[in-house]
Amino acid sequence: MTVDKRVMLVHNSAMKQAKAMTVRLSEEQAQALEMVATVENLPVSDIIRAAISTHIETRRRDPGFQAGLRDRISQARKLLDR
């Protein structure tokens, strides 16, 4: 995975009010992630943030995800209207 430097600028500017989270990885995943970070010469946290942003953008463009999101919003509105 090559990290797009433009994506990293967006991540870094959005980090002003960052929320700390814990992610548990298998040993294999952790080693692979550390290797990617080493090759990319970036912190592991930057690699993780870039991967999460890419995943979110992919989901946002997915018609099935959008339909599911609209359904959730509709359910929430019905609950609030009661």
N, C-alpha and C. Protein backbone atom coordinates (compact mmCIF):
# COMPACT_ATOMS: atom_id res chain seq x y z
N MET A 1 0.84 -1.17 0.00
CA MET A 1 0.00 0.00 0.00
C MET A 1 0.88 1.23 0.00
N THR A 2 0.71 2.08 -0.98
CA THR A 2 1.44 3.33 -1.03
C THR A 2 0.53 4.42 -0.50
N VAL A 3 1.04 5.19 0.43
CA VAL A 3 0.25 6.24 1.05
C VAL A 3 0.35 7.50 0.20
N ASP A 4 -0.78 8.03 -0.18
CA ASP A 4 -0.85 9.27 -0.93
C ASP A 4 -0.54 10.43 0.02
N LYS A 5 0.47 11.20 -0.29
CA LYS A 5 0.89 12.30 0.59
C LYS A 5 -0.22 13.34 0.74
N ARG A 6 -1.08 13.51 -0.28
CA ARG A 6 -2.20 14.45 -0.16
C ARG A 6 -3.18 13.98 0.89
N VAL A 7 -3.41 12.66 0.96
CA VAL A 7 -4.29 12.10 1.98
C VAL A 7 -3.71 12.37 3.35
N MET A 8 -2.40 12.25 3.48
CA MET A 8 -1.76 12.49 4.77
C MET A 8 -1.92 13.93 5.22
N LEU A 9 -1.90 14.89 4.30
CA LEU A 9 -2.10 16.29 4.68
C LEU A 9 -3.49 16.49 5.25
N VAL A 10 -4.49 15.86 4.65
CA VAL A 10 -5.85 15.95 5.16
C VAL A 10 -5.92 15.34 6.55
N HIS A 11 -5.30 14.17 6.73
CA HIS A 11 -5.29 13.51 8.04
C HIS A 11 -4.67 14.40 9.09
N ASN A 12 -3.52 14.96 8.77
CA ASN A 12 -2.80 15.76 9.75
C ASN A 12 -3.55 17.02 10.12
N SER A 13 -4.25 17.64 9.17
CA SER A 13 -5.01 18.85 9.49
C SER A 13 -6.25 18.50 10.31
N ALA A 14 -6.75 17.29 10.17
CA ALA A 14 -7.94 16.86 10.93
C ALA A 14 -7.58 16.35 12.31
N MET A 15 -6.32 16.26 12.63
CA MET A 15 -5.87 15.68 13.89
C MET A 15 -5.94 16.65 15.06
N LYS A 16 -6.40 17.87 14.85
CA LYS A 16 -6.43 18.86 15.92
C LYS A 16 -7.18 18.36 17.15
N GLN A 17 -8.29 17.69 16.93
CA GLN A 17 -9.05 17.13 18.04
C GLN A 17 -9.18 15.63 17.83
N ALA A 18 -8.05 14.96 17.86
CA ALA A 18 -8.00 13.53 17.60
C ALA A 18 -8.56 12.74 18.77
N LYS A 19 -9.14 11.61 18.46
CA LYS A 19 -9.64 10.69 19.46
C LYS A 19 -8.75 9.45 19.47
N ALA A 20 -8.24 9.12 20.62
CA ALA A 20 -7.40 7.93 20.74
C ALA A 20 -8.27 6.68 20.72
N MET A 21 -7.83 5.66 19.99
CA MET A 21 -8.55 4.40 19.92
C MET A 21 -7.54 3.26 20.03
N THR A 22 -8.02 2.11 20.44
CA THR A 22 -7.18 0.93 20.52
C THR A 22 -7.62 -0.06 19.46
N VAL A 23 -6.66 -0.60 18.74
CA VAL A 23 -6.92 -1.61 17.72
C VAL A 23 -6.07 -2.83 18.03
N ARG A 24 -6.68 -3.98 18.09
CA ARG A 24 -5.94 -5.21 18.33
C ARG A 24 -5.70 -5.91 16.99
N LEU A 25 -4.45 -6.24 16.75
CA LEU A 25 -4.06 -6.90 15.51
C LEU A 25 -3.43 -8.24 15.83
N SER A 26 -3.53 -9.15 14.88
CA SER A 26 -2.79 -10.40 15.03
C SER A 26 -1.30 -10.08 14.89
N GLU A 27 -0.48 -10.98 15.34
CA GLU A 27 0.97 -10.77 15.23
C GLU A 27 1.37 -10.59 13.76
N GLU A 28 0.75 -11.38 12.89
CA GLU A 28 1.05 -11.30 11.46
C GLU A 28 0.66 -9.93 10.90
N GLN A 29 -0.53 -9.44 11.27
CA GLN A 29 -0.97 -8.12 10.81
C GLN A 29 -0.03 -7.02 11.32
N ALA A 30 0.34 -7.11 12.59
CA ALA A 30 1.22 -6.10 13.19
C ALA A 30 2.57 -6.07 12.49
N GLN A 31 3.12 -7.23 12.20
CA GLN A 31 4.42 -7.29 11.51
C GLN A 31 4.32 -6.71 10.10
N ALA A 32 3.25 -7.07 9.40
CA ALA A 32 3.06 -6.57 8.03
C ALA A 32 2.88 -5.05 8.05
N LEU A 33 2.10 -4.56 8.99
CA LEU A 33 1.87 -3.13 9.11
C LEU A 33 3.16 -2.38 9.41
N GLU A 34 3.95 -2.91 10.32
CA GLU A 34 5.23 -2.29 10.65
C GLU A 34 6.17 -2.29 9.44
N MET A 35 6.14 -3.34 8.66
CA MET A 35 6.98 -3.41 7.46
C MET A 35 6.54 -2.36 6.44
N VAL A 36 5.23 -2.23 6.23
CA VAL A 36 4.73 -1.21 5.31
C VAL A 36 5.16 0.18 5.78
N ALA A 37 5.01 0.45 7.07
CA ALA A 37 5.40 1.76 7.61
C ALA A 37 6.89 2.01 7.42
N THR A 38 7.70 0.99 7.61
CA THR A 38 9.14 1.12 7.44
C THR A 38 9.48 1.44 5.99
N VAL A 39 8.89 0.70 5.07
CA VAL A 39 9.16 0.91 3.64
C VAL A 39 8.67 2.29 3.20
N GLU A 40 7.51 2.70 3.69
CA GLU A 40 6.95 4.01 3.34
C GLU A 40 7.61 5.15 4.10
N ASN A 41 8.43 4.81 5.10
CA ASN A 41 9.09 5.80 5.95
C ASN A 41 8.08 6.73 6.62
N LEU A 42 7.02 6.11 7.15
CA LEU A 42 5.96 6.84 7.83
C LEU A 42 5.65 6.15 9.16
N PRO A 43 5.09 6.89 10.10
CA PRO A 43 4.64 6.25 11.34
C PRO A 43 3.50 5.27 11.07
N VAL A 44 3.43 4.22 11.86
CA VAL A 44 2.36 3.24 11.73
C VAL A 44 1.00 3.93 11.83
N SER A 45 0.88 4.89 12.72
CA SER A 45 -0.41 5.58 12.89
C SER A 45 -0.84 6.29 11.61
N ASP A 46 0.11 6.84 10.85
CA ASP A 46 -0.25 7.48 9.58
C ASP A 46 -0.76 6.46 8.57
N ILE A 47 -0.14 5.29 8.54
CA ILE A 47 -0.58 4.22 7.63
C ILE A 47 -1.99 3.79 7.99
N ILE A 48 -2.26 3.64 9.28
CA ILE A 48 -3.59 3.22 9.74
C ILE A 48 -4.62 4.28 9.38
N ARG A 49 -4.33 5.55 9.65
CA ARG A 49 -5.29 6.62 9.33
C ARG A 49 -5.58 6.67 7.84
N ALA A 50 -4.55 6.51 7.00
CA ALA A 50 -4.75 6.52 5.56
C ALA A 50 -5.63 5.36 5.11
N ALA A 51 -5.39 4.17 5.68
CA ALA A 51 -6.20 3.00 5.33
C ALA A 51 -7.65 3.19 5.74
N ILE A 52 -7.86 3.77 6.91
CA ILE A 52 -9.23 4.02 7.37
C ILE A 52 -9.92 5.02 6.47
N SER A 53 -9.23 6.09 6.11
CA SER A 53 -9.83 7.09 5.21
C SER A 53 -10.19 6.49 3.86
N THR A 54 -9.30 5.67 3.33
CA THR A 54 -9.56 5.01 2.06
C THR A 54 -10.79 4.11 2.16
N HIS A 55 -10.88 3.36 3.26
CA HIS A 55 -12.02 2.47 3.45
C HIS A 55 -13.32 3.27 3.55
N ILE A 56 -13.32 4.34 4.31
CA ILE A 56 -14.52 5.17 4.46
C ILE A 56 -14.95 5.74 3.12
N GLU A 57 -14.00 6.27 2.35
CA GLU A 57 -14.34 6.82 1.04
C GLU A 57 -14.89 5.75 0.11
N THR A 58 -14.34 4.56 0.16
CA THR A 58 -14.85 3.45 -0.65
C THR A 58 -16.28 3.11 -0.27
N ARG A 59 -16.55 3.06 1.03
CA ARG A 59 -17.91 2.76 1.50
C ARG A 59 -18.87 3.86 1.07
N ARG A 60 -18.47 5.11 1.19
CA ARG A 60 -19.34 6.24 0.80
C ARG A 60 -19.76 6.15 -0.65
N ARG A 61 -18.90 5.62 -1.51
CA ARG A 61 -19.20 5.52 -2.94
C ARG A 61 -19.96 4.25 -3.30
N ASP A 62 -20.12 3.34 -2.35
CA ASP A 62 -20.77 2.06 -2.60
C ASP A 62 -22.29 2.22 -2.52
N PRO A 63 -23.02 1.91 -3.62
CA PRO A 63 -24.47 2.07 -3.61
C PRO A 63 -25.16 1.22 -2.53
N GLY A 64 -24.67 0.03 -2.28
CA GLY A 64 -25.25 -0.81 -1.23
C GLY A 64 -25.09 -0.20 0.14
N PHE A 65 -23.93 0.36 0.40
CA PHE A 65 -23.69 1.04 1.68
C PHE A 65 -24.58 2.26 1.80
N GLN A 66 -24.69 3.03 0.73
CA GLN A 66 -25.55 4.21 0.75
C GLN A 66 -26.99 3.85 1.04
N ALA A 67 -27.47 2.75 0.45
CA ALA A 67 -28.84 2.29 0.71
C ALA A 67 -29.00 1.91 2.18
N GLY A 68 -28.02 1.20 2.72
CA GLY A 68 -28.06 0.82 4.13
C GLY A 68 -28.04 2.03 5.03
N LEU A 69 -27.26 3.02 4.67
CA LEU A 69 -27.19 4.25 5.46
C LEU A 69 -28.52 5.00 5.42
N ARG A 70 -29.12 5.10 4.24
CA ARG A 70 -30.44 5.75 4.13
C ARG A 70 -31.48 5.00 4.97
N ASP A 71 -31.41 3.68 4.98
CA ASP A 71 -32.33 2.89 5.79
C ASP A 71 -32.14 3.18 7.27
N ARG A 72 -30.90 3.26 7.71
CA ARG A 72 -30.61 3.57 9.12
C ARG A 72 -31.13 4.96 9.50
N ILE A 73 -30.92 5.92 8.60
CA ILE A 73 -31.41 7.28 8.86
C ILE A 73 -32.92 7.28 8.96
N SER A 74 -33.57 6.55 8.06
CA SER A 74 -35.04 6.46 8.08
C SER A 74 -35.52 5.84 9.39
N GLN A 75 -34.86 4.78 9.84
CA GLN A 75 -35.24 4.13 11.12
C GLN A 75 -35.06 5.11 12.28
N ALA A 76 -33.98 5.86 12.27
CA ALA A 76 -33.72 6.81 13.36
C ALA A 76 -34.77 7.91 13.37
N ARG A 77 -35.17 8.38 12.19
CA ARG A 77 -36.21 9.42 12.13
C ARG A 77 -37.54 8.90 12.68
N LYS A 78 -37.88 7.67 12.33
CA LYS A 78 -39.12 7.07 12.84
C LYS A 78 -39.07 6.97 14.37
N LEU A 79 -37.94 6.59 14.89
CA LEU A 79 -37.78 6.48 16.34
C LEU A 79 -37.93 7.85 16.99
N LEU A 80 -37.36 8.87 16.42
CA LEU A 80 -37.44 10.22 16.99
C LEU A 80 -38.85 10.79 16.89
N ASP A 81 -39.60 10.40 15.87
CA ASP A 81 -40.94 10.93 15.65
C ASP A 81 -41.99 10.31 16.56
N ARG A 82 -41.65 9.28 17.28
CA ARG A 82 -42.62 8.61 18.14
C ARG A 82 -43.00 9.47 19.31
